[in-house]
Amino acid sequence: MMNQFHENPATKHRLIRLREVRMRVGLGTSTVYRYLAEGKFPRPVQIGGGRVAWVERDIDAWIADRIEADPSRT
Protein backbone atom coordinates (compact mmCIF):
# COMPACT_ATOMS: atom_id res chain seq x y z
CA MET A 1 0.00 0.00 0.00
CA MET A 2 1.38 3.38 -0.99
CA ASN A 3 1.64 6.18 1.50
CA GLN A 4 -0.83 9.03 0.86
CA PHE A 5 2.09 11.42 0.48
CA HIS A 6 3.26 9.62 -2.65
CA GLU A 7 -0.13 9.04 -4.24
CA ASN A 8 -1.29 12.59 -4.83
CA PRO A 9 1.03 15.60 -5.08
CA ALA A 10 -1.84 17.85 -3.93
CA THR A 11 -1.74 16.21 -0.48
CA LYS A 12 2.04 16.57 -0.21
CA HIS A 13 3.21 17.76 3.19
CA ARG A 14 6.19 20.07 3.41
CA LEU A 15 7.69 21.24 6.67
CA ILE A 16 8.96 24.79 6.88
CA ARG A 17 11.11 26.30 9.58
CA LEU A 18 10.50 29.53 11.47
CA ARG A 19 12.56 31.71 9.11
CA GLU A 20 10.34 30.79 6.15
CA VAL A 21 7.17 31.05 8.25
CA ARG A 22 8.17 34.57 9.29
CA MET A 23 8.89 35.60 5.71
CA ARG A 24 5.56 34.25 4.51
CA VAL A 25 3.36 35.79 7.19
CA GLY A 26 5.28 39.02 7.75
CA LEU A 27 5.49 38.60 11.52
CA GLY A 28 8.42 38.59 13.91
CA THR A 29 9.45 35.64 16.02
CA SER A 30 7.92 36.94 19.24
CA THR A 31 4.61 37.66 17.51
CA VAL A 32 4.49 34.18 15.97
CA TYR A 33 5.04 32.60 19.39
CA ARG A 34 2.58 34.97 21.10
CA TYR A 35 -0.12 34.12 18.55
CA LEU A 36 0.75 30.45 19.04
CA ALA A 37 0.32 30.77 22.83
CA GLU A 38 -3.01 32.54 22.28
CA GLY A 39 -4.23 29.77 19.96
CA LYS A 40 -4.25 32.14 16.98
CA PHE A 41 -1.54 30.44 14.93
CA PRO A 42 -0.96 26.90 13.62
CA ARG A 43 0.89 24.54 15.94
CA PRO A 44 4.33 23.37 14.80
CA VAL A 45 5.42 19.74 14.79
CA GLN A 46 8.49 18.34 16.52
CA ILE A 47 11.14 17.33 14.00
CA GLY A 48 13.77 16.12 16.46
CA GLY A 49 16.64 17.55 18.41
CA GLY A 50 14.38 20.09 20.08
CA ARG A 51 13.53 21.61 16.72
CA VAL A 52 10.10 22.39 15.33
CA ALA A 53 8.66 23.15 11.91
CA TRP A 54 5.27 24.06 10.55
CA VAL A 55 3.24 22.18 7.96
CA GLU A 56 3.27 24.43 4.90
CA ARG A 57 -0.38 23.97 4.07
CA ASP A 58 -1.34 25.00 7.65
CA ILE A 59 0.51 28.28 7.13
CA ASP A 60 -1.09 28.74 3.71
CA ALA A 61 -4.54 28.21 5.27
CA TRP A 62 -3.76 30.74 8.04
CA ILE A 63 -2.78 33.32 5.43
CA ALA A 64 -5.95 32.63 3.40
CA ASP A 65 -8.07 33.02 6.56
CA ARG A 66 -6.49 36.43 7.27
CA ILE A 67 -7.24 37.57 3.73
CA GLU A 68 -10.85 36.38 3.89
CA ALA A 69 -11.38 37.99 7.32
CA ASP A 70 -10.19 41.41 6.14
CA PRO A 71 -13.30 43.61 5.71
CA SER A 72 -11.44 45.97 3.36
CA ARG A 73 -11.20 43.16 0.80
CA THR A 74 -14.97 42.83 0.33
PDB file of N, CA and C in Angstrom:
ATOM      1  N   MET A   1       0.845  -1.180   0.000  1.00  0.00           N
ATOM      2  CA  MET A   1       0.000   0.000   0.000  1.00  0.00           C
ATOM      3  C   MET A   1       0.890   1.243   0.000  1.00  0.00           C
ATOM      4  N   MET A   2       0.584   2.164  -0.902  1.00  0.00           N
ATOM      5  CA  MET A   2       1.380   3.382  -0.986  1.00  0.00           C
ATOM      6  C   MET A   2       0.948   4.392   0.067  1.00  0.00           C
ATOM      7  N   ASN A   3       1.890   5.104   0.547  1.00  0.00           N
ATOM      8  CA  ASN A   3       1.639   6.180   1.497  1.00  0.00           C
ATOM      9  C   ASN A   3       0.901   7.301   0.783  1.00  0.00           C
ATOM     10  N   GLN A   4      -0.049   7.943   1.468  1.00  0.00           N
ATOM     11  CA  GLN A   4      -0.826   9.026   0.855  1.00  0.00           C
ATOM     12  C   GLN A   4       0.046  10.160   0.336  1.00  0.00           C
ATOM     13  N   PHE A   5       1.236  10.321   0.886  1.00  0.00           N
ATOM     14  CA  PHE A   5       2.094  11.423   0.484  1.00  0.00           C
ATOM     15  C   PHE A   5       2.708  11.179  -0.889  1.00  0.00           C
ATOM     16  N   HIS A   6       2.698   9.936  -1.343  1.00  0.00           N
ATOM     17  CA  HIS A   6       3.259   9.620  -2.650  1.00  0.00           C
ATOM     18  C   HIS A   6       2.185   9.444  -3.707  1.00  0.00           C
ATOM     19  N   GLU A   7       0.937   9.293  -3.296  1.00  0.00           N
ATOM     20  CA  GLU A   7      -0.135   9.038  -4.235  1.00  0.00           C
ATOM     21  C   GLU A   7      -0.604  10.294  -4.964  1.00  0.00           C
ATOM     22  N   ASN A   8      -0.712  11.380  -4.258  1.00  0.00           N
ATOM     23  CA  ASN A   8      -1.292  12.585  -4.826  1.00  0.00           C
ATOM     24  C   ASN A   8      -0.443  13.793  -4.439  1.00  0.00           C
ATOM     25  N   PRO A   9       0.190  14.436  -5.406  1.00  0.00           N
ATOM     26  CA  PRO A   9       1.025  15.599  -5.075  1.00  0.00           C
ATOM     27  C   PRO A   9       0.261  16.716  -4.370  1.00  0.00           C
ATOM     28  N   ALA A  10      -1.057  16.804  -4.566  1.00  0.00           N
ATOM     29  CA  ALA A  10      -1.845  17.854  -3.927  1.00  0.00           C
ATOM     30  C   ALA A  10      -1.903  17.681  -2.415  1.00  0.00           C
ATOM     31  N   THR A  11      -1.693  16.451  -1.923  1.00  0.00           N
ATOM     32  CA  THR A  11      -1.735  16.212  -0.480  1.00  0.00           C
ATOM     33  C   THR A  11      -0.335  16.191   0.120  1.00  0.00           C
ATOM     34  N   LYS A  12       0.652  16.577  -0.666  1.00  0.00           N
ATOM     35  CA  LYS A  12       2.038  16.569  -0.206  1.00  0.00           C
ATOM     36  C   LYS A  12       2.216  17.481   1.010  1.00  0.00           C
ATOM     37  N   HIS A  13       2.908  16.981   2.000  1.00  0.00           N
ATOM     38  CA  HIS A  13       3.213  17.760   3.190  1.00  0.00           C
ATOM     39  C   HIS A  13       4.649  18.260   3.073  1.00  0.00           C
ATOM     40  N   ARG A  14       4.848  19.506   3.385  1.00  0.00           N
ATOM     41  CA  ARG A  14       6.192  20.072   3.409  1.00  0.00           C
ATOM     42  C   ARG A  14       6.333  20.806   4.725  1.00  0.00           C
ATOM     43  N   LEU A  15       7.424  20.568   5.417  1.00  0.00           N
ATOM     44  CA  LEU A  15       7.686  21.239   6.674  1.00  0.00           C
ATOM     45  C   LEU A  15       8.559  22.449   6.416  1.00  0.00           C
ATOM     46  N   ILE A  16       8.178  23.570   7.036  1.00  0.00           N
ATOM     47  CA  ILE A  16       8.960  24.787   6.877  1.00  0.00           C
ATOM     48  C   ILE A  16       9.369  25.306   8.249  1.00  0.00           C
ATOM     49  N   ARG A  17      10.565  25.822   8.310  1.00  0.00           N
ATOM     50  CA  ARG A  17      11.112  26.304   9.575  1.00  0.00           C
ATOM     51  C   ARG A  17      10.671  27.743   9.828  1.00  0.00           C
ATOM     52  N   LEU A  18      10.960  28.218  11.022  1.00  0.00           N
ATOM     53  CA  LEU A  18      10.502  29.526  11.470  1.00  0.00           C
ATOM     54  C   LEU A  18      10.904  30.654  10.521  1.00  0.00           C
ATOM     55  N   ARG A  19      12.111  30.627  10.009  1.00  0.00           N
ATOM     56  CA  ARG A  19      12.557  31.708   9.111  1.00  0.00           C
ATOM     57  C   ARG A  19      11.614  31.858   7.923  1.00  0.00           C
ATOM     58  N   GLU A  20      11.247  30.735   7.300  1.00  0.00           N
ATOM     59  CA  GLU A  20      10.338  30.794   6.153  1.00  0.00           C
ATOM     60  C   GLU A  20       8.924  31.187   6.589  1.00  0.00           C
ATOM     61  N   VAL A  21       8.479  30.673   7.729  1.00  0.00           N
ATOM     62  CA  VAL A  21       7.168  31.049   8.251  1.00  0.00           C
ATOM     63  C   VAL A  21       7.111  32.564   8.427  1.00  0.00           C
ATOM     64  N   ARG A  22       8.126  33.127   9.061  1.00  0.00           N
ATOM     65  CA  ARG A  22       8.169  34.574   9.294  1.00  0.00           C
ATOM     66  C   ARG A  22       8.132  35.356   7.989  1.00  0.00           C
ATOM     67  N   MET A  23       8.879  34.920   7.001  1.00  0.00           N
ATOM     68  CA  MET A  23       8.889  35.601   5.707  1.00  0.00           C
ATOM     69  C   MET A  23       7.512  35.543   5.053  1.00  0.00           C
ATOM     70  N   ARG A  24       6.842  34.416   5.164  1.00  0.00           N
ATOM     71  CA  ARG A  24       5.556  34.248   4.512  1.00  0.00           C
ATOM     72  C   ARG A  24       4.446  35.045   5.175  1.00  0.00           C
ATOM     73  N   VAL A  25       4.461  35.129   6.492  1.00  0.00           N
ATOM     74  CA  VAL A  25       3.355  35.786   7.190  1.00  0.00           C
ATOM     75  C   VAL A  25       3.667  37.230   7.560  1.00  0.00           C
ATOM     76  N   GLY A  26       4.910  37.645   7.457  1.00  0.00           N
ATOM     77  CA  GLY A  26       5.275  39.022   7.747  1.00  0.00           C
ATOM     78  C   GLY A  26       5.254  39.366   9.223  1.00  0.00           C
ATOM     79  N   LEU A  27       5.480  38.389  10.073  1.00  0.00           N
ATOM     80  CA  LEU A  27       5.492  38.602  11.517  1.00  0.00           C
ATOM     81  C   LEU A  27       6.868  38.287  12.080  1.00  0.00           C
ATOM     82  N   GLY A  28       7.177  38.893  13.222  1.00  0.00           N
ATOM     83  CA  GLY A  28       8.419  38.591  13.908  1.00  0.00           C
ATOM     84  C   GLY A  28       8.283  37.330  14.750  1.00  0.00           C
ATOM     85  N   THR A  29       9.417  36.856  15.222  1.00  0.00           N
ATOM     86  CA  THR A  29       9.451  35.635  16.016  1.00  0.00           C
ATOM     87  C   THR A  29       8.569  35.735  17.260  1.00  0.00           C
ATOM     88  N   SER A  30       8.694  36.820  18.009  1.00  0.00           N
ATOM     89  CA  SER A  30       7.924  36.936  19.244  1.00  0.00           C
ATOM     90  C   SER A  30       6.424  36.981  18.963  1.00  0.00           C
ATOM     91  N   THR A  31       6.030  37.604  17.860  1.00  0.00           N
ATOM     92  CA  THR A  31       4.610  37.662  17.513  1.00  0.00           C
ATOM     93  C   THR A  31       4.100  36.287  17.114  1.00  0.00           C
ATOM     94  N   VAL A  32       4.879  35.543  16.347  1.00  0.00           N
ATOM     95  CA  VAL A  32       4.489  34.175  15.975  1.00  0.00           C
ATOM     96  C   VAL A  32       4.242  33.356  17.238  1.00  0.00           C
ATOM     97  N   TYR A  33       5.181  33.406  18.183  1.00  0.00           N
ATOM     98  CA  TYR A  33       5.039  32.601  19.392  1.00  0.00           C
ATOM     99  C   TYR A  33       3.939  33.135  20.309  1.00  0.00           C
ATOM    100  N   ARG A  34       3.692  34.428  20.313  1.00  0.00           N
ATOM    101  CA  ARG A  34       2.579  34.973  21.103  1.00  0.00           C
ATOM    102  C   ARG A  34       1.254  34.503  20.517  1.00  0.00           C
ATOM    103  N   TYR A  35       1.101  34.604  19.206  1.00  0.00           N
ATOM    104  CA  TYR A  35      -0.116  34.121  18.554  1.00  0.00           C
ATOM    105  C   TYR A  35      -0.290  32.623  18.814  1.00  0.00           C
ATOM    106  N   LEU A  36       0.795  31.895  18.774  1.00  0.00           N
ATOM    107  CA  LEU A  36       0.754  30.453  19.041  1.00  0.00           C
ATOM    108  C   LEU A  36       0.230  30.195  20.453  1.00  0.00           C
ATOM    109  N   ALA A  37       0.750  30.925  21.436  1.00  0.00           N
ATOM    110  CA  ALA A  37       0.322  30.766  22.828  1.00  0.00           C
ATOM    111  C   ALA A  37      -1.147  31.139  23.011  1.00  0.00           C
ATOM    112  N   GLU A  38      -1.625  32.090  22.208  1.00  0.00           N
ATOM    113  CA  GLU A  38      -3.014  32.539  22.283  1.00  0.00           C
ATOM    114  C   GLU A  38      -3.955  31.654  21.461  1.00  0.00           C
ATOM    115  N   GLY A  39      -3.407  30.651  20.784  1.00  0.00           N
ATOM    116  CA  GLY A  39      -4.232  29.772  19.960  1.00  0.00           C
ATOM    117  C   GLY A  39      -4.654  30.398  18.642  1.00  0.00           C
ATOM    118  N   LYS A  40      -3.916  31.418  18.205  1.00  0.00           N
ATOM    119  CA  LYS A  40      -4.247  32.144  16.977  1.00  0.00           C
ATOM    120  C   LYS A  40      -3.330  31.801  15.806  1.00  0.00           C
ATOM    121  N   PHE A  41      -2.509  30.782  15.969  1.00  0.00           N
ATOM    122  CA  PHE A  41      -1.539  30.442  14.930  1.00  0.00           C
ATOM    123  C   PHE A  41      -1.376  28.926  14.895  1.00  0.00           C
ATOM    124  N   PRO A  42      -1.112  28.368  13.719  1.00  0.00           N
ATOM    125  CA  PRO A  42      -0.961  26.905  13.618  1.00  0.00           C
ATOM    126  C   PRO A  42       0.145  26.368  14.529  1.00  0.00           C
ATOM    127  N   ARG A  43      -0.082  25.195  15.072  1.00  0.00           N
ATOM    128  CA  ARG A  43       0.891  24.545  15.936  1.00  0.00           C
ATOM    129  C   ARG A  43       2.002  23.922  15.083  1.00  0.00           C
ATOM    130  N   PRO A  44       3.243  24.042  15.514  1.00  0.00           N
ATOM    131  CA  PRO A  44       4.333  23.372  14.802  1.00  0.00           C
ATOM    132  C   PRO A  44       4.388  21.900  15.197  1.00  0.00           C
ATOM    133  N   VAL A  45       5.175  21.153  14.470  1.00  0.00           N
ATOM    134  CA  VAL A  45       5.417  19.744  14.792  1.00  0.00           C
ATOM    135  C   VAL A  45       6.877  19.578  15.201  1.00  0.00           C
ATOM    136  N   GLN A  46       7.125  18.642  16.099  1.00  0.00           N
ATOM    137  CA  GLN A  46       8.494  18.342  16.517  1.00  0.00           C
ATOM    138  C   GLN A  46       9.197  17.601  15.384  1.00  0.00           C
ATOM    139  N   ILE A  47      10.398  18.016  15.056  1.00  0.00           N
ATOM    140  CA  ILE A  47      11.142  17.330  13.998  1.00  0.00           C
ATOM    141  C   ILE A  47      12.416  16.682  14.533  1.00  0.00           C
ATOM    142  N   GLY A  48      12.618  16.762  15.839  1.00  0.00           N
ATOM    143  CA  GLY A  48      13.767  16.117  16.464  1.00  0.00           C
ATOM    144  C   GLY A  48      14.816  17.110  16.912  1.00  0.00           C
ATOM    145  N   GLY A  49      15.569  16.713  17.904  1.00  0.00           N
ATOM    146  CA  GLY A  49      16.642  17.547  18.405  1.00  0.00           C
ATOM    147  C   GLY A  49      16.159  18.854  19.000  1.00  0.00           C
ATOM    148  N   GLY A  50      14.932  18.868  19.519  1.00  0.00           N
ATOM    149  CA  GLY A  50      14.378  20.088  20.081  1.00  0.00           C
ATOM    150  C   GLY A  50      13.938  21.096  19.039  1.00  0.00           C
ATOM    151  N   ARG A  51      13.903  20.709  17.810  1.00  0.00           N
ATOM    152  CA  ARG A  51      13.532  21.610  16.717  1.00  0.00           C
ATOM    153  C   ARG A  51      12.077  21.389  16.314  1.00  0.00           C
ATOM    154  N   VAL A  52      11.471  22.470  15.821  1.00  0.00           N
ATOM    155  CA  VAL A  52      10.097  22.386  15.333  1.00  0.00           C
ATOM    156  C   VAL A  52      10.021  22.966  13.923  1.00  0.00           C
ATOM    157  N   ALA A  53       8.953  22.607  13.236  1.00  0.00           N
ATOM    158  CA  ALA A  53       8.665  23.145  11.909  1.00  0.00           C
ATOM    159  C   ALA A  53       7.152  23.167  11.749  1.00  0.00           C
ATOM    160  N   TRP A  54       6.693  23.949  10.804  1.00  0.00           N
ATOM    161  CA  TRP A  54       5.265  24.058  10.547  1.00  0.00           C
ATOM    162  C   TRP A  54       4.925  23.348   9.252  1.00  0.00           C
ATOM    163  N   VAL A  55       3.716  22.803   9.188  1.00  0.00           N
ATOM    164  CA  VAL A  55       3.237  22.184   7.958  1.00  0.00           C
ATOM    165  C   VAL A  55       2.849  23.325   7.017  1.00  0.00           C
ATOM    166  N   GLU A  56       3.441  23.331   5.845  1.00  0.00           N
ATOM    167  CA  GLU A  56       3.272  24.432   4.902  1.00  0.00           C
ATOM    168  C   GLU A  56       1.807  24.732   4.610  1.00  0.00           C
ATOM    169  N   ARG A  57       1.011  23.709   4.416  1.00  0.00           N
ATOM    170  CA  ARG A  57      -0.384  23.972   4.067  1.00  0.00           C
ATOM    171  C   ARG A  57      -1.152  24.581   5.240  1.00  0.00           C
ATOM    172  N   ASP A  58      -0.725  24.338   6.500  1.00  0.00           N
ATOM    173  CA  ASP A  58      -1.345  25.002   7.653  1.00  0.00           C
ATOM    174  C   ASP A  58      -1.065  26.504   7.617  1.00  0.00           C
ATOM    175  N   ILE A  59       0.151  26.862   7.245  1.00  0.00           N
ATOM    176  CA  ILE A  59       0.507  28.280   7.134  1.00  0.00           C
ATOM    177  C   ILE A  59      -0.243  28.917   5.971  1.00  0.00           C
ATOM    178  N   ASP A  60      -0.331  28.216   4.848  1.00  0.00           N
ATOM    179  CA  ASP A  60      -1.088  28.735   3.705  1.00  0.00           C
ATOM    180  C   ASP A  60      -2.549  28.978   4.082  1.00  0.00           C
ATOM    181  N   ALA A  61      -3.143  28.061   4.845  1.00  0.00           N
ATOM    182  CA  ALA A  61      -4.539  28.205   5.269  1.00  0.00           C
ATOM    183  C   ALA A  61      -4.692  29.398   6.217  1.00  0.00           C
ATOM    184  N   TRP A  62      -3.723  29.604   7.110  1.00  0.00           N
ATOM    185  CA  TRP A  62      -3.764  30.735   8.042  1.00  0.00           C
ATOM    186  C   TRP A  62      -3.735  32.049   7.261  1.00  0.00           C
ATOM    187  N   ILE A  63      -2.868  32.122   6.265  1.00  0.00           N
ATOM    188  CA  ILE A  63      -2.777  33.319   5.428  1.00  0.00           C
ATOM    189  C   ILE A  63      -4.103  33.558   4.706  1.00  0.00           C
ATOM    190  N   ALA A  64      -4.672  32.514   4.120  1.00  0.00           N
ATOM    191  CA  ALA A  64      -5.945  32.630   3.404  1.00  0.00           C
ATOM    192  C   ALA A  64      -7.051  33.097   4.344  1.00  0.00           C
ATOM    193  N   ASP A  65      -7.064  32.592   5.574  1.00  0.00           N
ATOM    194  CA  ASP A  65      -8.068  33.022   6.559  1.00  0.00           C
ATOM    195  C   ASP A  65      -7.933  34.501   6.875  1.00  0.00           C
ATOM    196  N   ARG A  66      -6.691  34.998   6.993  1.00  0.00           N
ATOM    197  CA  ARG A  66      -6.486  36.426   7.275  1.00  0.00           C
ATOM    198  C   ARG A  66      -7.010  37.270   6.123  1.00  0.00           C
ATOM    199  N   ILE A  67      -6.778  36.823   4.903  1.00  0.00           N
ATOM    200  CA  ILE A  67      -7.238  37.567   3.730  1.00  0.00           C
ATOM    201  C   ILE A  67      -8.760  37.604   3.683  1.00  0.00           C
ATOM    202  N   GLU A  68      -9.394  36.452   3.919  1.00  0.00           N
ATOM    203  CA  GLU A  68     -10.851  36.377   3.894  1.00  0.00           C
ATOM    204  C   GLU A  68     -11.486  37.179   5.019  1.00  0.00           C
ATOM    205  N   ALA A  69     -10.822  37.275   6.163  1.00  0.00           N
ATOM    206  CA  ALA A  69     -11.380  37.990   7.319  1.00  0.00           C
ATOM    207  C   ALA A  69     -11.211  39.498   7.223  1.00  0.00           C
ATOM    208  N   ASP A  70     -10.448  39.975   6.260  1.00  0.00           N
ATOM    209  CA  ASP A  70     -10.192  41.410   6.136  1.00  0.00           C
ATOM    210  C   ASP A  70     -11.384  42.103   5.492  1.00  0.00           C
ATOM    211  N   PRO A  71     -12.113  42.951   6.260  1.00  0.00           N
ATOM    212  CA  PRO A  71     -13.301  43.610   5.709  1.00  0.00           C
ATOM    213  C   PRO A  71     -12.999  44.563   4.552  1.00  0.00           C
ATOM    214  N   SER A  72     -11.783  45.041   4.446  1.00  0.00           N
ATOM    215  CA  SER A  72     -11.442  45.971   3.363  1.00  0.00           C
ATOM    216  C   SER A  72     -11.329  45.251   2.015  1.00  0.00           C
ATOM    217  N   ARG A  73     -11.326  43.934   2.045  1.00  0.00           N
ATOM    218  CA  ARG A  73     -11.198  43.164   0.798  1.00  0.00           C
ATOM    219  C   ARG A  73     -12.544  42.780   0.213  1.00  0.00           C
ATOM    220  N   THR A  74     -13.635  43.203   0.835  1.00  0.00           N
ATOM    221  CA  THR A  74     -14.968  42.832   0.331  1.00  0.00           C
ATOM    222  C   THR A  74     -15.585  43.946  -0.474  1.00  0.00           C
TER     223      THR A  74
END
